[in-house]
N, C-alpha and C. Protein backbone atom coordinates (compact mmCIF):
# COMPACT_ATOMS: atom_id res chain seq x y z
N UNK A 1 15.68 26.16 -51.66
CA UNK A 1 15.91 24.80 -51.91
C UNK A 1 14.69 24.24 -53.41
N UNK A 2 15.59 23.25 -53.41
CA UNK A 2 14.66 22.42 -54.77
C UNK A 2 13.49 22.24 -54.23
N UNK A 3 12.71 21.48 -55.30
CA UNK A 3 11.52 20.97 -55.50
C UNK A 3 11.59 19.36 -54.38
N UNK A 4 12.85 19.01 -54.70
CA UNK A 4 12.71 17.44 -53.99
C UNK A 4 13.87 17.72 -52.23
N UNK A 5 13.71 18.58 -52.13
CA UNK A 5 14.62 18.41 -51.47
C UNK A 5 14.10 18.13 -49.83
N UNK A 6 14.78 17.87 -48.93
CA UNK A 6 14.35 16.93 -47.41
C UNK A 6 15.32 17.96 -46.51
N UNK A 7 14.06 18.16 -44.77
CA UNK A 7 14.58 18.80 -44.20
C UNK A 7 14.82 17.97 -43.13
N UNK A 8 15.76 17.11 -42.55
CA UNK A 8 15.41 16.46 -41.37
C UNK A 8 15.14 17.23 -40.21
N UNK A 9 14.13 17.10 -39.14
CA UNK A 9 14.00 17.93 -38.11
C UNK A 9 14.53 16.94 -36.94
N UNK A 10 15.59 17.21 -35.83
CA UNK A 10 15.77 16.44 -34.77
C UNK A 10 15.27 17.26 -33.68
N UNK A 11 14.26 16.84 -32.98
CA UNK A 11 13.77 17.35 -31.94
C UNK A 11 14.55 17.23 -30.90
N UNK A 12 14.84 18.50 -30.14
CA UNK A 12 15.66 18.40 -29.15
C UNK A 12 15.15 19.05 -27.66
N UNK A 13 15.21 19.52 -26.42
CA UNK A 13 14.76 19.96 -25.31
C UNK A 13 14.14 21.44 -26.09
N UNK A 14 15.32 22.31 -26.18
CA UNK A 14 14.63 23.92 -26.33
C UNK A 14 14.95 24.12 -28.15
N UNK A 15 15.70 23.77 -28.59
CA UNK A 15 15.37 24.02 -30.04
C UNK A 15 15.78 22.88 -30.80
N UNK A 16 15.52 22.52 -31.73
CA UNK A 16 15.74 21.91 -32.83
C UNK A 16 17.04 22.07 -33.50
N UNK A 17 17.52 20.75 -34.21
CA UNK A 17 18.57 20.67 -35.32
C UNK A 17 17.77 20.42 -36.56
N UNK A 18 18.62 21.16 -38.03
CA UNK A 18 17.17 21.03 -38.81
C UNK A 18 18.45 20.62 -39.89
N UNK A 19 18.56 19.75 -40.49
CA UNK A 19 19.62 19.28 -41.40
C UNK A 19 18.99 19.29 -42.91
N UNK A 20 19.54 20.03 -43.65
CA UNK A 20 18.69 20.11 -45.34
C UNK A 20 19.73 19.34 -46.23
N UNK A 21 18.99 18.48 -46.90
CA UNK A 21 19.23 18.04 -47.79
C UNK A 21 18.70 18.17 -49.27
N UNK A 22 19.87 18.48 -50.48
CA UNK A 22 19.50 19.56 -51.79
C UNK A 22 18.43 18.33 -52.07
N UNK A 23 18.79 16.65 -52.00
CA UNK A 23 18.00 15.89 -52.50
C UNK A 23 17.79 14.85 -51.74
N UNK A 24 16.40 14.31 -51.58
CA UNK A 24 16.64 12.64 -50.60
C UNK A 24 17.16 11.75 -50.78
N UNK A 25 17.10 11.77 -52.37
CA UNK A 25 17.49 10.29 -53.07
C UNK A 25 18.85 10.22 -52.97
N UNK A 26 19.83 11.37 -53.12
CA UNK A 26 21.43 11.43 -53.59
C UNK A 26 22.26 10.79 -52.02
N UNK A 27 22.93 10.38 -52.44
CA UNK A 27 24.53 9.85 -51.31
C UNK A 27 25.15 10.95 -51.28
N UNK A 28 24.48 12.28 -50.78
CA UNK A 28 25.60 13.56 -50.37
C UNK A 28 25.30 13.93 -49.31
N UNK A 29 26.39 14.75 -48.69
CA UNK A 29 26.38 15.18 -47.30
C UNK A 29 25.38 16.05 -47.20
N UNK A 30 24.67 16.68 -46.17
CA UNK A 30 23.63 17.98 -45.90
C UNK A 30 24.43 19.15 -46.61
N UNK A 31 23.45 19.85 -47.11
CA UNK A 31 23.87 21.16 -47.59
C UNK A 31 23.97 22.46 -46.31
N UNK A 32 23.18 21.62 -45.38
CA UNK A 32 23.05 22.85 -44.07
C UNK A 32 22.73 22.38 -43.22
N UNK A 33 23.39 22.49 -41.84
CA UNK A 33 22.63 22.06 -40.50
C UNK A 33 22.39 23.61 -39.38
N UNK A 34 21.46 23.59 -38.99
CA UNK A 34 21.49 24.62 -38.13
C UNK A 34 20.46 24.26 -36.76
N UNK A 35 20.70 25.25 -36.02
CA UNK A 35 19.96 25.06 -34.58
C UNK A 35 18.72 26.19 -34.77
N UNK A 36 17.56 25.70 -34.35
CA UNK A 36 16.90 26.79 -34.13
C UNK A 36 15.37 25.91 -34.08
N UNK A 37 13.86 26.43 -34.41
CA UNK A 37 12.85 25.70 -34.63
C UNK A 37 12.28 25.93 -36.07
N UNK A 38 11.79 24.98 -36.44
CA UNK A 38 10.93 25.33 -37.72
C UNK A 38 9.13 25.33 -37.46
N UNK A 39 9.12 26.66 -37.72
CA UNK A 39 7.91 27.10 -37.02
C UNK A 39 6.65 27.04 -37.89
N UNK A 40 7.04 26.68 -39.11
CA UNK A 40 5.92 27.05 -40.24
C UNK A 40 6.43 26.42 -41.58
N UNK A 41 5.52 25.70 -42.74
CA UNK A 41 6.28 25.43 -44.18
C UNK A 41 4.73 25.80 -44.69
N UNK A 42 5.36 27.10 -45.59
CA UNK A 42 4.37 27.91 -46.34
C UNK A 42 4.71 27.39 -47.72
N UNK A 43 4.71 26.22 -47.95
CA UNK A 43 5.11 25.45 -49.37
C UNK A 43 4.71 24.20 -49.45
N UNK A 44 4.27 24.00 -50.46
CA UNK A 44 3.87 22.31 -50.53
C UNK A 44 4.67 21.04 -50.33
N UNK A 45 4.48 20.54 -49.58
CA UNK A 45 5.10 19.38 -48.82
C UNK A 45 4.78 18.33 -47.96
N UNK A 46 5.28 17.34 -47.83
CA UNK A 46 4.75 16.35 -47.13
C UNK A 46 5.35 16.15 -45.52
N UNK A 47 4.90 15.77 -44.18
CA UNK A 47 5.68 15.61 -43.26
C UNK A 47 5.68 14.22 -42.89
N UNK A 48 6.64 13.30 -42.48
CA UNK A 48 6.47 12.55 -42.06
C UNK A 48 7.28 12.48 -40.72
N UNK A 49 6.68 11.22 -39.76
CA UNK A 49 7.34 11.21 -38.48
C UNK A 49 8.51 10.56 -38.62
N UNK A 50 9.78 10.72 -37.78
CA UNK A 50 10.79 9.89 -37.25
C UNK A 50 10.75 9.56 -36.10
N UNK A 51 11.92 8.46 -35.80
CA UNK A 51 12.27 8.12 -34.32
C UNK A 51 12.60 9.34 -33.69
N UNK A 52 13.44 10.11 -34.02
CA UNK A 52 13.91 11.30 -33.36
C UNK A 52 13.32 12.54 -33.89
N UNK A 53 12.40 12.56 -34.41
CA UNK A 53 11.76 14.20 -34.74
C UNK A 53 10.69 13.82 -36.21
N UNK A 54 11.18 15.07 -37.30
CA UNK A 54 10.13 14.19 -38.22
C UNK A 54 11.20 14.54 -39.81
N UNK A 55 10.61 14.33 -40.92
CA UNK A 55 10.80 14.67 -42.15
C UNK A 55 10.06 15.81 -42.85
N UNK A 56 10.51 16.60 -43.68
CA UNK A 56 10.14 17.38 -44.34
C UNK A 56 10.67 17.33 -45.57
N UNK A 57 9.34 16.88 -46.55
CA UNK A 57 10.07 16.79 -47.64
C UNK A 57 9.27 17.66 -48.78
N UNK A 58 10.03 18.56 -49.56
CA UNK A 58 9.70 19.58 -49.95
C UNK A 58 9.04 19.01 -51.55
N UNK A 59 8.02 19.59 -52.19
CA UNK A 59 7.61 19.26 -53.81
C UNK A 59 7.34 20.35 -53.98
N UNK A 60 7.84 21.59 -53.72
CA UNK A 60 8.09 22.53 -55.05
C UNK A 60 9.44 23.72 -54.09
N UNK A 61 9.57 24.37 -55.03
CA UNK A 61 11.14 25.14 -54.40
C UNK A 61 11.05 26.19 -53.52
N UNK A 62 12.16 25.75 -53.09
CA UNK A 62 11.58 26.92 -51.57
C UNK A 62 12.73 27.64 -50.62
N UNK A 63 12.59 28.70 -50.10
CA UNK A 63 13.68 29.04 -49.17
C UNK A 63 13.55 29.21 -48.05
N UNK A 64 14.27 28.95 -47.09
CA UNK A 64 14.73 28.90 -45.48
C UNK A 64 14.43 30.09 -45.83
N UNK A 65 13.33 30.88 -44.55
CA UNK A 65 13.65 32.27 -44.54
C UNK A 65 13.83 32.33 -42.28
N UNK A 66 14.90 33.16 -42.06
CA UNK A 66 15.14 33.43 -40.72
C UNK A 66 14.27 34.26 -40.10
N UNK A 67 13.37 33.63 -39.03
CA UNK A 67 12.44 34.97 -38.26
C UNK A 67 12.63 35.77 -37.40
N UNK A 68 14.10 35.53 -36.86
CA UNK A 68 14.50 36.04 -35.69
C UNK A 68 14.91 34.86 -34.53
N UNK A 69 15.30 35.40 -33.79
CA UNK A 69 14.93 34.30 -32.27
C UNK A 69 15.13 32.85 -32.63
N UNK A 70 16.09 32.24 -33.62
CA UNK A 70 16.25 31.08 -33.67
C UNK A 70 15.05 30.56 -34.39
N UNK A 71 13.89 30.92 -34.95
CA UNK A 71 12.53 30.78 -35.76
C UNK A 71 12.82 30.41 -36.92
N UNK A 72 12.01 29.62 -37.73
CA UNK A 72 12.28 29.48 -39.52
C UNK A 72 11.16 28.90 -39.81
N UNK A 73 10.85 29.55 -41.10
CA UNK A 73 9.82 29.39 -41.82
C UNK A 73 10.03 29.08 -43.47
N UNK A 74 9.69 28.06 -43.64
CA UNK A 74 10.07 27.24 -45.36
C UNK A 74 8.89 28.19 -46.35
N UNK A 75 9.15 28.95 -46.94
CA UNK A 75 7.96 29.70 -48.05
C UNK A 75 8.23 29.35 -49.21
N UNK A 76 7.27 28.73 -50.06
CA UNK A 76 7.29 28.91 -51.60
C UNK A 76 8.25 30.24 -52.14
N UNK A 77 8.91 29.86 -53.20
CA UNK A 77 9.64 31.00 -53.94
C UNK A 77 8.68 31.47 -54.83
N UNK A 78 8.53 32.55 -54.55
CA UNK A 78 7.81 33.52 -55.54
C UNK A 78 8.13 33.29 -56.69
N UNK A 79 7.13 33.08 -57.81
CA UNK A 79 7.42 33.16 -59.12
C UNK A 79 7.61 31.41 -59.63
N UNK A 80 7.60 30.38 -58.59
CA UNK A 80 8.53 29.34 -58.82
C UNK A 80 6.89 28.26 -58.93
N UNK A 81 5.91 29.06 -58.31
CA UNK A 81 4.54 28.18 -58.18
C UNK A 81 4.22 28.13 -59.11
N UNK A 82 3.10 26.92 -59.45
CA UNK A 82 2.63 26.60 -60.42
C UNK A 82 0.96 27.09 -60.12
N UNK A 83 0.66 27.63 -61.39
CA UNK A 83 -0.86 28.83 -61.08
C UNK A 83 -1.82 27.68 -60.70
């Protein structure tokens, strides 16, 4: 994901709905939607509450990694992190 991507997380009963936008400011449809649980963010980001869940605003290039069983982690892309 680019450093300005947004992940909108809609809290649901058992699983969350993750909606990924490549750019939070662009008026474009989401690049992906999936069901699961965002269990951790291991990259520079800001988290803001929303009426239906929360928004994760990325601050560095990152990758969404499937951990199995519907669990997802956002990790900084190796080699793209500032020293």
